[in-house]
Amino acid sequence: MRAWKTAVGVVLVGVMLFPVYWMVNVSLTKTSDMRADPPHWFPWDPTFEGYAAALGQQLPALATSLFIGLGAVALTLAVSLPAGFALARLRPRGARAIDFLLLVAQMIPAVVMAMGFYAIYIRLGLLNTVAGLIVADSTLAVPFAVLLFRAFMASIPGEVMAAAQIDGASTWRTFRSIVLPLSRNSVITVSLFAFLWAWSDFIFASTLNRNSDVIPITLGIFRYIGNNTTQWNSIMATAVVASLPAAFLLVLAQRYIAAGVTAGAVKD
């Protein structure tokens, strides 16, 4: 029975990872072999011209995506940490209504949000700017982050907060010196998700930053697709290179994510 389950698990993992393998395979395939029939299931005669094009042409786009991702993380944390603390510990009026609105905000399609941002950015002059993309990308993470921080901070024992107040700590000092250090796992989880959402964003980038000279990596990949020719090995090579930071961060922060996502699930 155990061997049967293992076999099923291996097959499912293989099916899920096959697109990743095919991406690597195509990135090493020569342009002349792209339409081979049957297709080349393994790059017996690999070429690195796709990676040369990716590293030679897409490094500025990778740097732009890195800057946008870090900016989205910083803005998300700056907004969601105080908001989550206020909802969890200060209990303002309408807290339940705010929670409901945050849930609804996560259900709004990104295309609808992009149209709204476009109309606003035209008036504010933020079209085709990196700052505009940072603000837009952070809106994907802020509702999730506030709810996650609220759940975790509500689970912090009241005795800890009371002890800080007895020692004369203000609300801000309690938040900075007590709550933030205890929220490390949640902060890492939110930072990672915010960065990955900004790193992989295409809808906001293609709507709000299409005509800019400074573009993120998703638009850099898209520009390889032409009307008459498509540079598939360059597309896939760039996709492989762009996937490496995300994969590295997921492996590095795996244990923090598991702890952060379940934070607040059980209240003492």
Protein backbone atom coordinates (compact mmCIF):
# COMPACT_ATOMS: atom_id res chain seq x y z
CA MET A 1 0.00 0.00 0.00
CA ARG A 2 2.83 2.36 0.87
CA ALA A 3 4.64 1.60 -2.40
CA TRP A 4 1.46 2.39 -4.36
CA LYS A 5 1.09 5.75 -2.62
CA THR A 6 4.75 6.53 -3.27
CA ALA A 7 4.36 5.71 -6.96
CA VAL A 8 1.31 7.96 -7.26
CA GLY A 9 3.18 10.75 -5.48
CA VAL A 10 6.17 10.42 -7.80
CA VAL A 11 3.92 10.53 -10.87
CA LEU A 12 2.08 13.63 -9.63
CA VAL A 13 5.33 15.40 -8.78
CA GLY A 14 6.69 14.50 -12.22
CA VAL A 15 3.61 15.93 -13.92
CA MET A 16 3.86 19.17 -11.93
CA LEU A 17 7.60 19.56 -12.54
CA PHE A 18 7.49 18.67 -16.25
CA PRO A 19 6.81 22.31 -17.33
CA VAL A 20 9.94 23.34 -15.43
CA TYR A 21 11.98 20.64 -17.18
CA TRP A 22 10.54 21.64 -20.57
CA MET A 23 11.39 25.27 -19.91
CA VAL A 24 15.03 24.30 -19.28
CA ASN A 25 15.01 21.95 -22.29
CA VAL A 26 13.72 24.60 -24.68
CA SER A 27 16.17 27.17 -23.30
CA LEU A 28 19.01 24.89 -24.45
CA THR A 29 17.48 23.98 -27.83
CA LYS A 30 18.72 25.55 -31.05
CA THR A 31 16.29 27.71 -32.98
CA SER A 32 16.53 25.37 -35.98
CA ASP A 33 15.39 22.43 -33.81
CA MET A 34 12.36 24.15 -32.28
CA ARG A 35 9.90 22.68 -34.79
CA ALA A 36 11.43 19.22 -34.94
CA ASP A 37 8.92 16.38 -35.23
CA PRO A 38 9.04 14.51 -32.94
CA PRO A 39 10.32 17.16 -30.52
CA HIS A 40 13.67 16.77 -28.79
CA TRP A 41 12.89 15.47 -25.33
CA PHE A 42 16.47 16.07 -24.22
CA PRO A 43 18.94 18.74 -25.43
CA TRP A 44 21.53 16.39 -26.95
CA ASP A 45 23.17 19.29 -28.80
CA PRO A 46 22.62 22.20 -26.39
CA THR A 47 23.14 25.85 -27.17
CA PHE A 48 23.58 28.70 -24.72
CA GLU A 49 22.66 31.47 -27.11
CA GLY A 50 19.38 31.97 -25.22
CA TYR A 51 21.23 32.51 -21.95
CA ALA A 52 23.70 34.83 -23.68
CA ALA A 53 20.76 36.90 -24.92
CA ALA A 54 19.08 36.81 -21.51
CA LEU A 55 22.16 37.94 -19.61
CA GLY A 56 23.14 40.44 -22.27
CA GLN A 57 19.74 42.06 -22.75
CA GLN A 58 17.68 41.43 -19.63
CA LEU A 59 19.95 42.37 -16.74
CA PRO A 60 18.46 45.92 -16.54
CA ALA A 61 14.96 44.40 -16.46
CA LEU A 62 16.02 41.97 -13.70
CA ALA A 63 17.43 44.90 -11.70
CA THR A 64 14.19 46.82 -12.21
CA SER A 65 12.12 43.86 -11.00
CA LEU A 66 14.39 43.50 -7.98
CA PHE A 67 13.94 47.17 -7.10
CA ILE A 68 10.16 46.98 -7.59
CA GLY A 69 9.97 43.82 -5.48
CA LEU A 70 11.96 45.32 -2.61
CA GLY A 71 9.96 48.54 -2.81
CA ALA A 72 6.68 46.59 -2.69
CA VAL A 73 7.94 44.67 0.35
CA ALA A 74 8.90 47.88 2.17
CA LEU A 75 5.58 49.59 1.39
CA THR A 76 3.56 46.49 2.29
CA LEU A 77 5.26 46.15 5.67
CA ALA A 78 5.01 49.88 6.40
CA VAL A 79 1.24 49.78 5.87
CA SER A 80 0.26 46.32 7.09
CA LEU A 81 2.29 46.01 10.30
CA PRO A 82 0.69 48.99 12.10
CA ALA A 83 -2.71 48.13 10.61
CA GLY A 84 -2.53 44.53 11.80
CA PHE A 85 -1.42 45.64 15.27
CA ALA A 86 -4.24 48.17 15.50
CA LEU A 87 -6.89 45.63 14.49
CA ALA A 88 -5.50 42.95 16.82
CA ARG A 89 -4.65 44.88 19.98
CA LEU A 90 -6.33 48.32 19.85
CA ARG A 91 -9.68 46.97 18.66
CA PRO A 92 -10.98 50.06 16.84
CA ARG A 93 -14.62 50.50 15.92
CA GLY A 94 -15.62 48.67 12.80
CA ALA A 95 -12.77 46.14 13.05
CA ARG A 96 -14.98 43.33 11.76
CA ALA A 97 -16.14 45.45 8.84
CA ILE A 98 -12.50 46.21 8.01
CA ASP A 99 -11.68 42.50 8.11
CA PHE A 100 -14.53 41.84 5.71
CA LEU A 101 -13.38 44.59 3.36
CA LEU A 102 -9.86 43.16 3.37
CA LEU A 103 -11.24 39.76 2.40
CA VAL A 104 -13.29 41.31 -0.40
CA ALA A 105 -10.25 43.25 -1.62
CA GLN A 106 -8.40 39.98 -2.21
CA MET A 107 -11.20 38.81 -4.50
CA ILE A 108 -11.04 41.79 -6.88
CA PRO A 109 -9.48 40.69 -10.20
CA ALA A 110 -6.13 42.29 -10.94
CA VAL A 111 -7.43 43.41 -14.35
CA VAL A 112 -10.15 45.49 -12.69
CA MET A 113 -7.60 47.02 -10.32
CA ALA A 114 -5.27 47.78 -13.22
CA MET A 115 -8.02 49.71 -15.01
CA GLY A 116 -8.66 51.75 -11.88
CA PHE A 117 -4.96 52.47 -11.38
CA TYR A 118 -4.68 53.51 -15.04
CA ALA A 119 -7.40 56.11 -14.66
CA ILE A 120 -5.82 57.43 -11.43
CA TYR A 121 -2.24 57.40 -12.70
CA ILE A 122 -3.14 59.44 -15.79
CA ARG A 123 -4.22 62.27 -13.48
CA LEU A 124 -1.29 61.90 -11.09
CA GLY A 125 1.36 61.47 -13.76
CA LEU A 126 2.46 58.07 -12.44
CA LEU A 127 2.07 56.11 -15.67
CA ASN A 128 5.30 54.45 -16.85
CA THR A 129 7.03 54.96 -13.51
CA VAL A 130 8.65 52.51 -11.15
CA ALA A 131 6.97 54.19 -8.18
CA GLY A 132 3.57 53.58 -9.74
CA LEU A 133 4.33 49.87 -10.12
CA ILE A 134 5.52 49.62 -6.52
CA VAL A 135 2.25 51.10 -5.25
CA ALA A 136 0.14 48.92 -7.55
CA ASP A 137 1.99 45.70 -6.69
CA SER A 138 1.79 46.38 -2.96
CA THR A 139 -2.02 46.47 -3.15
CA LEU A 140 -1.94 42.75 -3.93
CA ALA A 141 -0.09 41.99 -0.71
CA VAL A 142 -1.45 44.51 1.80
CA PRO A 143 -4.88 42.86 2.45
CA PHE A 144 -3.26 39.44 2.89
CA ALA A 145 -0.54 40.91 5.10
CA VAL A 146 -2.93 42.81 7.37
CA LEU A 147 -5.05 39.73 7.98
CA LEU A 148 -2.01 37.58 8.65
CA PHE A 149 -0.48 40.08 11.07
CA ARG A 150 -3.82 40.55 12.77
CA ALA A 151 -4.20 36.81 13.33
CA PHE A 152 -0.70 36.45 14.73
CA MET A 153 -0.70 39.55 16.91
CA ALA A 154 -4.06 38.60 18.39
CA SER A 155 -2.49 35.33 19.55
CA ILE A 156 0.27 37.07 21.53
CA PRO A 157 -0.48 36.43 25.23
CA GLY A 158 -2.10 39.39 26.94
CA GLU A 159 0.29 38.99 29.86
CA VAL A 160 3.19 40.01 27.62
CA MET A 161 1.41 43.20 26.59
CA ALA A 162 0.35 43.91 30.17
CA ALA A 163 3.92 43.48 31.43
CA ALA A 164 5.15 46.04 28.89
CA GLN A 165 2.47 48.51 29.98
CA ILE A 166 3.36 48.00 33.65
CA ASP A 167 6.98 48.82 32.82
CA GLY A 168 5.77 52.11 31.36
CA ALA A 169 6.02 51.26 27.66
CA SER A 170 3.82 53.30 25.37
CA THR A 171 1.73 51.70 22.64
CA TRP A 172 4.38 52.55 20.06
CA ARG A 173 7.20 51.20 22.26
CA THR A 174 5.24 47.99 22.89
CA PHE A 175 4.68 47.58 19.18
CA ARG A 176 8.31 48.26 18.30
CA SER A 177 10.09 46.40 21.10
CA ILE A 178 7.70 43.53 21.90
CA VAL A 179 5.37 42.79 19.01
CA LEU A 180 7.74 43.24 16.07
CA PRO A 181 10.44 40.83 17.36
CA LEU A 182 7.78 38.21 18.11
CA SER A 183 6.34 38.63 14.60
CA ARG A 184 9.53 37.61 12.80
CA ASN A 185 8.06 34.56 11.05
CA SER A 186 5.01 36.48 9.90
CA VAL A 187 7.16 39.35 8.65
CA ILE A 188 9.34 36.97 6.63
CA THR A 189 6.25 35.25 5.20
CA VAL A 190 4.62 38.52 4.16
CA SER A 191 7.89 39.85 2.73
CA LEU A 192 8.38 36.74 0.62
CA PHE A 193 4.84 36.70 -0.76
CA ALA A 194 4.90 40.44 -1.46
CA PHE A 195 8.22 40.12 -3.27
CA LEU A 196 7.10 37.13 -5.36
CA TRP A 197 3.82 38.81 -6.33
CA ALA A 198 5.69 41.92 -7.45
CA TRP A 199 8.43 39.90 -9.15
CA SER A 200 5.96 37.86 -11.23
CA ASP A 201 3.46 40.64 -11.99
CA PHE A 202 2.55 41.07 -15.62
CA ILE A 203 -0.93 42.66 -15.61
CA PHE A 204 0.07 45.86 -13.80
CA ALA A 205 3.36 46.06 -15.70
CA SER A 206 1.73 45.69 -19.12
CA THR A 207 -1.05 48.16 -18.27
CA LEU A 208 0.78 50.84 -16.28
CA ASN A 209 4.34 50.62 -17.62
CA ARG A 210 4.05 49.54 -21.25
CA ASN A 211 5.74 52.59 -22.83
CA SER A 212 8.54 53.07 -20.33
CA ASP A 213 12.21 52.48 -21.08
CA VAL A 214 12.60 50.96 -17.59
CA ILE A 215 10.64 47.70 -17.59
CA PRO A 216 10.41 44.67 -15.27
CA ILE A 217 11.51 41.22 -16.34
CA THR A 218 7.99 40.05 -17.21
CA LEU A 219 7.73 42.72 -19.91
CA GLY A 220 11.28 41.92 -20.98
CA ILE A 221 10.22 38.33 -21.67
CA PHE A 222 7.07 39.51 -23.44
CA ARG A 223 9.07 41.70 -25.83
CA TYR A 224 10.80 38.62 -27.22
CA ILE A 225 7.47 37.67 -28.81
CA GLY A 226 7.17 39.30 -32.22
CA ASN A 227 4.62 39.29 -35.02
CA ASN A 228 6.74 37.14 -37.31
CA THR A 229 9.32 35.47 -35.10
CA THR A 230 9.40 34.26 -31.53
CA GLN A 231 12.74 33.68 -29.80
CA TRP A 232 11.68 30.70 -27.73
CA ASN A 233 15.11 29.76 -26.41
CA SER A 234 15.70 33.35 -25.28
CA ILE A 235 12.23 33.46 -23.69
CA MET A 236 12.80 30.23 -21.80
CA ALA A 237 16.36 31.11 -20.83
CA THR A 238 15.16 34.41 -19.39
CA ALA A 239 12.36 32.58 -17.58
CA VAL A 240 14.90 30.17 -16.07
CA VAL A 241 17.10 33.03 -14.91
CA ALA A 242 14.09 34.93 -13.52
CA SER A 243 12.91 31.82 -11.65
CA LEU A 244 16.16 31.32 -9.77
CA PRO A 245 15.70 34.14 -7.20
CA ALA A 246 12.16 32.99 -6.43
CA ALA A 247 13.23 29.36 -6.03
CA PHE A 248 16.18 30.37 -3.85
CA LEU A 249 14.00 32.50 -1.58
CA LEU A 250 11.35 29.78 -1.24
CA VAL A 251 13.95 27.19 -0.23
CA LEU A 252 15.72 29.59 2.12
CA ALA A 253 12.53 30.76 3.89
CA GLN A 254 10.56 27.51 3.82
CA ARG A 255 10.50 26.91 7.56
CA TYR A 256 9.60 30.54 8.27
CA ILE A 257 6.73 30.38 5.78
CA ALA A 258 5.27 27.28 7.42
CA ALA A 259 5.40 28.96 10.82
CA GLY A 260 4.18 32.31 9.51
CA VAL A 261 1.17 31.04 7.58
CA THR A 262 -0.09 29.00 10.56
CA ALA A 263 0.58 31.84 13.03
CA GLY A 264 -2.53 32.63 15.00
CA ALA A 265 -4.33 29.47 13.91
CA VAL A 266 -4.40 28.25 17.51
CA LYS A 267 -4.88 30.74 20.30
CA ASP A 268 -3.58 29.92 23.76
